[in-house]
Amino acid sequence: MIDTVQVDAAITETHEIAAEVMDYPIERGSDLTDHRRVMPRRLSISGVLSEFPVSSAGNELDLTDEMHPRVSNSLPTTDALDQRYRELLGIVNSPEPFQVVTGLEVYPSMSFISFRVTRDKTTGGTIRFEGELREVLFASSLEVEVKPSVADKPRVEQKKVLGPKQPAEPKPSPEPLKSTAKRLKDWILK
């Protein structure tokens, strides 16, 4: 079942689960959660919609005389097939994710990435389709109030404007440099 459309026959179903593993080396003993990411699940399905939907024949597919009145009472027409096809096209074109129920798995949030319909002289009152679907992943966010802390304060104070500065007085030049021998002589004589 694709959202609200009951598929009369699923010819093939291919369920795919894949993961992306990083190409760079991993240090032994490190946490591996950052090095492997599970990708959204994929589903490929080939199915059939018919003029006589399975649901119109009741829950049992009994090919006895009892089957004929059930089918004739349901009065399916090509209009009913066209309506189901249009409903399926609406799901294909919808931006909203939908539920897909298969024989193996229930996918709560899927979206079509491709859809093909094949009709020829052998299909008669049926519509054969192939669809590629991909899981839509949702993330939830949470707002948290963070109190200001020391870490939020600027590390460097802003410059204070003190106005124009006066030139500094020139410092008196130090005593001319004396050789080590001369300084030693002056020290001894003192």
C-alpha atoms as a PDB file:
ATOM      1  CA  MET A   1       0.000   0.000   0.000  1.00  0.00           C
ATOM      2  CA  ILE A   2       1.395   3.375  -1.005  1.00  0.00           C
ATOM      3  CA  ASP A   3      -0.220   5.995   1.226  1.00  0.00           C
ATOM      4  CA  THR A   4      -3.939   5.556   0.415  1.00  0.00           C
ATOM      5  CA  VAL A   5      -3.531   3.543  -2.815  1.00  0.00           C
ATOM      6  CA  GLN A   6      -3.785  -0.240  -2.529  1.00  0.00           C
ATOM      7  CA  VAL A   7      -1.426  -1.881  -5.029  1.00  0.00           C
ATOM      8  CA  ASP A   8      -3.102  -4.964  -6.525  1.00  0.00           C
ATOM      9  CA  ALA A   9       0.166  -6.846  -6.973  1.00  0.00           C
ATOM     10  CA  ALA A  10       3.717  -6.036  -5.980  1.00  0.00           C
ATOM     11  CA  ILE A  11       5.789  -7.874  -8.577  1.00  0.00           C
ATOM     12  CA  THR A  12       9.139  -6.997  -6.995  1.00  0.00           C
ATOM     13  CA  GLU A  13      10.250  -5.155  -3.891  1.00  0.00           C
ATOM     14  CA  THR A  14      13.879  -4.224  -3.282  1.00  0.00           C
ATOM     15  CA  HIS A  15      14.703  -2.922   0.183  1.00  0.00           C
ATOM     16  CA  GLU A  16      18.043  -1.135   0.535  1.00  0.00           C
ATOM     17  CA  ILE A  17      19.913  -0.012   3.622  1.00  0.00           C
ATOM     18  CA  ALA A  18      23.300   1.600   2.991  1.00  0.00           C
ATOM     19  CA  ALA A  19      25.961   3.374   5.006  1.00  0.00           C
ATOM     20  CA  GLU A  20      28.678   5.832   4.089  1.00  0.00           C
ATOM     21  CA  VAL A  21      32.098   5.020   5.554  1.00  0.00           C
ATOM     22  CA  MET A  22      34.743   7.728   5.588  1.00  0.00           C
ATOM     23  CA  ASP A  23      37.807   7.263   3.372  1.00  0.00           C
ATOM     24  CA  TYR A  24      40.425   8.566   5.786  1.00  0.00           C
ATOM     25  CA  PRO A  25      42.179   6.274   8.287  1.00  0.00           C
ATOM     26  CA  ILE A  26      40.751   5.870  11.776  1.00  0.00           C
ATOM     27  CA  GLU A  27      43.016   5.880  14.803  1.00  0.00           C
ATOM     28  CA  ARG A  28      42.774   2.633  16.757  1.00  0.00           C
ATOM     29  CA  GLY A  29      40.707   2.971  19.902  1.00  0.00           C
ATOM     30  CA  SER A  30      38.866   6.099  18.716  1.00  0.00           C
ATOM     31  CA  ASP A  31      35.089   6.514  18.670  1.00  0.00           C
ATOM     32  CA  LEU A  32      33.766   5.178  15.362  1.00  0.00           C
ATOM     33  CA  THR A  33      30.473   7.088  15.361  1.00  0.00           C
ATOM     34  CA  ASP A  34      31.984   9.964  13.373  1.00  0.00           C
ATOM     35  CA  HIS A  35      33.355   7.648  10.700  1.00  0.00           C
ATOM     36  CA  ARG A  36      30.188   5.842   9.539  1.00  0.00           C
ATOM     37  CA  ARG A  37      26.841   7.352   8.649  1.00  0.00           C
ATOM     38  CA  VAL A  38      23.692   5.353   7.878  1.00  0.00           C
ATOM     39  CA  MET A  39      21.979   6.728   4.784  1.00  0.00           C
ATOM     40  CA  PRO A  40      18.200   7.060   4.307  1.00  0.00           C
ATOM     41  CA  ARG A  41      16.552   3.744   3.413  1.00  0.00           C
ATOM     42  CA  ARG A  42      15.482   3.128  -0.190  1.00  0.00           C
ATOM     43  CA  LEU A  43      12.713   1.041  -1.680  1.00  0.00           C
ATOM     44  CA  SER A  44      12.250  -0.031  -5.305  1.00  0.00           C
ATOM     45  CA  ILE A  45       8.845  -1.430  -6.137  1.00  0.00           C
ATOM     46  CA  SER A  46       7.279  -2.797  -9.328  1.00  0.00           C
ATOM     47  CA  GLY A  47       3.548  -3.063  -9.026  1.00  0.00           C
ATOM     48  CA  VAL A  48       0.242  -3.400 -10.822  1.00  0.00           C
ATOM     49  CA  LEU A  49      -3.030  -1.499 -10.580  1.00  0.00           C
ATOM     50  CA  SER A  50      -5.948  -3.249 -12.269  1.00  0.00           C
ATOM     51  CA  GLU A  51      -9.576  -2.652 -13.234  1.00  0.00           C
ATOM     52  CA  PHE A  52     -10.537  -5.296 -10.695  1.00  0.00           C
ATOM     53  CA  PRO A  53      -8.771  -4.240  -7.504  1.00  0.00           C
ATOM     54  CA  VAL A  54      -8.048  -7.035  -5.060  1.00  0.00           C
ATOM     55  CA  SER A  55     -10.029  -5.189  -2.387  1.00  0.00           C
ATOM     56  CA  SER A  56     -13.200  -5.352  -4.522  1.00  0.00           C
ATOM     57  CA  ALA A  57     -13.112  -9.156  -4.456  1.00  0.00           C
ATOM     58  CA  GLY A  58     -13.162  -9.282  -0.686  1.00  0.00           C
ATOM     59  CA  ASN A  59     -10.428 -10.536   1.580  1.00  0.00           C
ATOM     60  CA  GLU A  60     -10.287 -14.009   0.015  1.00  0.00           C
ATOM     61  CA  LEU A  61      -9.224 -14.688  -3.528  1.00  0.00           C
ATOM     62  CA  ASP A  62     -11.414 -17.763  -4.111  1.00  0.00           C
ATOM     63  CA  LEU A  63     -11.678 -18.735  -7.763  1.00  0.00           C
ATOM     64  CA  THR A  64     -14.951 -20.622  -7.317  1.00  0.00           C
ATOM     65  CA  ASP A  65     -18.445 -19.678  -8.503  1.00  0.00           C
ATOM     66  CA  GLU A  66     -18.646 -17.409  -5.470  1.00  0.00           C
ATOM     67  CA  MET A  67     -15.976 -15.137  -6.992  1.00  0.00           C
ATOM     68  CA  HIS A  68     -18.049 -14.107 -10.004  1.00  0.00           C
ATOM     69  CA  PRO A  69     -20.829 -12.279  -8.076  1.00  0.00           C
ATOM     70  CA  ARG A  70     -18.314 -10.401  -5.937  1.00  0.00           C
ATOM     71  CA  VAL A  71     -16.512  -9.103  -8.981  1.00  0.00           C
ATOM     72  CA  SER A  72     -19.683  -8.255 -10.882  1.00  0.00           C
ATOM     73  CA  ASN A  73     -21.183  -6.447  -7.870  1.00  0.00           C
ATOM     74  CA  SER A  74     -18.148  -4.204  -7.528  1.00  0.00           C
ATOM     75  CA  LEU A  75     -18.645  -2.905 -11.091  1.00  0.00           C
ATOM     76  CA  PRO A  76     -15.083  -1.716 -11.639  1.00  0.00           C
ATOM     77  CA  THR A  77     -14.497   0.327 -14.758  1.00  0.00           C
ATOM     78  CA  THR A  78     -11.595   1.909 -16.529  1.00  0.00           C
ATOM     79  CA  ASP A  79     -12.782   5.090 -14.787  1.00  0.00           C
ATOM     80  CA  ALA A  80     -12.038   3.429 -11.434  1.00  0.00           C
ATOM     81  CA  LEU A  81      -8.578   2.420 -12.698  1.00  0.00           C
ATOM     82  CA  ASP A  82      -7.982   5.930 -13.984  1.00  0.00           C
ATOM     83  CA  GLN A  83      -9.076   7.370 -10.630  1.00  0.00           C
ATOM     84  CA  ARG A  84      -6.642   5.105  -8.741  1.00  0.00           C
ATOM     85  CA  TYR A  85      -3.861   6.010 -11.182  1.00  0.00           C
ATOM     86  CA  ARG A  86      -4.574   9.739 -10.710  1.00  0.00           C
ATOM     87  CA  GLU A  87      -4.541   9.244  -6.926  1.00  0.00           C
ATOM     88  CA  LEU A  88      -1.148   7.517  -7.193  1.00  0.00           C
ATOM     89  CA  LEU A  89       0.155  10.360  -9.393  1.00  0.00           C
ATOM     90  CA  GLY A  90      -1.005  12.843  -6.755  1.00  0.00           C
ATOM     91  CA  ILE A  91       1.085  10.992  -4.172  1.00  0.00           C
ATOM     92  CA  VAL A  92       4.083  10.888  -6.543  1.00  0.00           C
ATOM     93  CA  ASN A  93       3.899  14.659  -7.112  1.00  0.00           C
ATOM     94  CA  SER A  94       3.191  15.597  -3.502  1.00  0.00           C
ATOM     95  CA  PRO A  95       6.012  17.231  -1.529  1.00  0.00           C
ATOM     96  CA  GLU A  96       4.681  15.637   1.677  1.00  0.00           C
ATOM     97  CA  PRO A  97       6.157  12.310   2.801  1.00  0.00           C
ATOM     98  CA  PHE A  98       3.790   9.348   3.086  1.00  0.00           C
ATOM     99  CA  GLN A  99       3.617   5.828   4.520  1.00  0.00           C
ATOM    100  CA  VAL A 100       4.420   2.715   2.489  1.00  0.00           C
ATOM    101  CA  VAL A 101       3.443  -0.748   3.718  1.00  0.00           C
ATOM    102  CA  THR A 102       5.167  -3.741   2.109  1.00  0.00           C
ATOM    103  CA  GLY A 103       5.331  -7.433   2.908  1.00  0.00           C
ATOM    104  CA  LEU A 104       8.587  -6.916   4.849  1.00  0.00           C
ATOM    105  CA  GLU A 105       8.526  -3.439   6.287  1.00  0.00           C
ATOM    106  CA  VAL A 106       6.435  -0.396   7.128  1.00  0.00           C
ATOM    107  CA  TYR A 107       8.090   2.843   6.031  1.00  0.00           C
ATOM    108  CA  PRO A 108       6.455   5.786   7.836  1.00  0.00           C
ATOM    109  CA  SER A 109       8.077   8.609   5.866  1.00  0.00           C
ATOM    110  CA  MET A 110       8.872   8.037   2.194  1.00  0.00           C
ATOM    111  CA  SER A 111       8.986  10.106  -0.980  1.00  0.00           C
ATOM    112  CA  PHE A 112       9.208   9.144  -4.665  1.00  0.00           C
ATOM    113  CA  ILE A 113      12.493   9.970  -6.390  1.00  0.00           C
ATOM    114  CA  SER A 114      11.388   8.362  -9.673  1.00  0.00           C
ATOM    115  CA  PHE A 115       8.202   6.851 -11.086  1.00  0.00           C
ATOM    116  CA  ARG A 116       7.697   5.001 -14.394  1.00  0.00           C
ATOM    117  CA  VAL A 117       4.569   3.573 -15.993  1.00  0.00           C
ATOM    118  CA  THR A 118       4.720   0.913 -18.703  1.00  0.00           C
ATOM    119  CA  ARG A 119       1.726   0.133 -20.918  1.00  0.00           C
ATOM    120  CA  ASP A 120       1.611  -2.021 -23.994  1.00  0.00           C
ATOM    121  CA  LYS A 121      -0.717  -4.441 -25.773  1.00  0.00           C
ATOM    122  CA  THR A 122      -0.171  -7.101 -23.098  1.00  0.00           C
ATOM    123  CA  THR A 123      -1.118  -4.965 -20.096  1.00  0.00           C
ATOM    124  CA  GLY A 124      -4.829  -4.725 -20.975  1.00  0.00           C
ATOM    125  CA  GLY A 125      -6.864  -3.238 -18.136  1.00  0.00           C
ATOM    126  CA  THR A 126      -3.870  -2.824 -15.865  1.00  0.00           C
ATOM    127  CA  ILE A 127      -1.241  -0.231 -15.151  1.00  0.00           C
ATOM    128  CA  ARG A 128       2.266  -1.516 -14.467  1.00  0.00           C
ATOM    129  CA  PHE A 129       4.538   0.878 -12.621  1.00  0.00           C
ATOM    130  CA  GLU A 130       8.007   1.031 -11.149  1.00  0.00           C
ATOM    131  CA  GLY A 131       8.903   3.417  -8.383  1.00  0.00           C
ATOM    132  CA  GLU A 132      12.057   4.390  -6.535  1.00  0.00           C
ATOM    133  CA  LEU A 133      11.376   5.743  -3.066  1.00  0.00           C
ATOM    134  CA  ARG A 134      13.654   7.215  -0.443  1.00  0.00           C
ATOM    135  CA  GLU A 135      13.140   7.712   3.269  1.00  0.00           C
ATOM    136  CA  VAL A 136      12.692  11.311   4.418  1.00  0.00           C
ATOM    137  CA  LEU A 137      14.625  11.948   7.619  1.00  0.00           C
ATOM    138  CA  PHE A 138      13.535  14.604  10.078  1.00  0.00           C
ATOM    139  CA  ALA A 139      15.622  16.332  12.708  1.00  0.00           C
ATOM    140  CA  SER A 140      14.192  18.028  15.731  1.00  0.00           C
ATOM    141  CA  SER A 141      15.704  21.059  17.342  1.00  0.00           C
ATOM    142  CA  LEU A 142      15.507  22.355  20.866  1.00  0.00           C
ATOM    143  CA  GLU A 143      16.010  25.935  21.991  1.00  0.00           C
ATOM    144  CA  VAL A 144      18.032  26.365  25.158  1.00  0.00           C
ATOM    145  CA  GLU A 145      18.624  29.611  27.021  1.00  0.00           C
ATOM    146  CA  VAL A 146      22.292  30.086  27.797  1.00  0.00           C
ATOM    147  CA  LYS A 147      23.197  32.416  30.646  1.00  0.00           C
ATOM    148  CA  PRO A 148      26.031  34.860  30.040  1.00  0.00           C
ATOM    149  CA  SER A 149      29.261  33.676  31.581  1.00  0.00           C
ATOM    150  CA  VAL A 150      32.849  34.714  31.872  1.00  0.00           C
ATOM    151  CA  ALA A 151      33.547  33.039  28.564  1.00  0.00           C
ATOM    152  CA  ASP A 152      31.135  35.426  26.833  1.00  0.00           C
ATOM    153  CA  LYS A 153      32.970  38.550  28.041  1.00  0.00           C
ATOM    154  CA  PRO A 154      35.460  40.068  25.647  1.00  0.00           C
ATOM    155  CA  ARG A 155      39.018  39.034  26.412  1.00  0.00           C
ATOM    156  CA  VAL A 156      40.515  42.385  25.480  1.00  0.00           C
ATOM    157  CA  GLU A 157      39.021  45.625  26.679  1.00  0.00           C
ATOM    158  CA  GLN A 158      38.186  48.150  24.052  1.00  0.00           C
ATOM    159  CA  LYS A 159      40.528  51.095  23.691  1.00  0.00           C
ATOM    160  CA  LYS A 160      39.573  54.199  25.604  1.00  0.00           C
ATOM    161  CA  VAL A 161      39.759  57.470  23.740  1.00  0.00           C
ATOM    162  CA  LEU A 162      41.859  59.818  25.904  1.00  0.00           C
ATOM    163  CA  GLY A 163      42.073  62.665  23.447  1.00  0.00           C
ATOM    164  CA  PRO A 164      45.201  63.994  21.770  1.00  0.00           C
ATOM    165  CA  LYS A 165      48.518  63.206  23.499  1.00  0.00           C
ATOM    166  CA  GLN A 166      51.336  65.667  24.162  1.00  0.00           C
ATOM    167  CA  PRO A 167      54.767  64.686  22.960  1.00  0.00           C
ATOM    168  CA  ALA A 168      56.863  63.128  25.705  1.00  0.00           C
ATOM    169  CA  GLU A 169      59.880  64.972  27.145  1.00  0.00           C
ATOM    170  CA  PRO A 170      63.082  63.694  25.646  1.00  0.00           C
ATOM    171  CA  LYS A 171      65.011  61.553  28.101  1.00  0.00           C
ATOM    172  CA  PRO A 172      68.526  62.614  28.906  1.00  0.00           C
ATOM    173  CA  SER A 173      70.989  60.495  27.078  1.00  0.00           C
ATOM    174  CA  PRO A 174      72.772  58.018  29.287  1.00  0.00           C
ATOM    175  CA  GLU A 175      76.402  58.392  30.154  1.00  0.00           C
ATOM    176  CA  PRO A 176      78.552  57.448  27.214  1.00  0.00           C
ATOM    177  CA  LEU A 177      79.421  53.827  27.257  1.00  0.00           C
ATOM    178  CA  LYS A 178      82.720  53.038  28.919  1.00  0.00           C
ATOM    179  CA  SER A 179      84.880  50.091  28.280  1.00  0.00           C
ATOM    180  CA  THR A 180      84.906  47.360  30.867  1.00  0.00           C
ATOM    181  CA  ALA A 181      88.478  48.197  31.859  1.00  0.00           C
ATOM    182  CA  LYS A 182      87.592  51.859  32.496  1.00  0.00           C
ATOM    183  CA  ARG A 183      84.571  50.919  34.615  1.00  0.00           C
ATOM    184  CA  LEU A 184      86.695  48.519  36.630  1.00  0.00           C
ATOM    185  CA  LYS A 185      89.284  51.244  37.246  1.00  0.00           C
ATOM    186  CA  ASP A 186      86.554  53.691  38.411  1.00  0.00           C
ATOM    187  CA  TRP A 187      85.145  51.107  40.760  1.00  0.00           C
ATOM    188  CA  ILE A 188      88.483  50.320  42.364  1.00  0.00           C
ATOM    189  CA  LEU A 189      89.350  53.959  42.850  1.00  0.00           C
ATOM    190  CA  LYS A 190      86.158  54.741  44.627  1.00  0.00           C
END
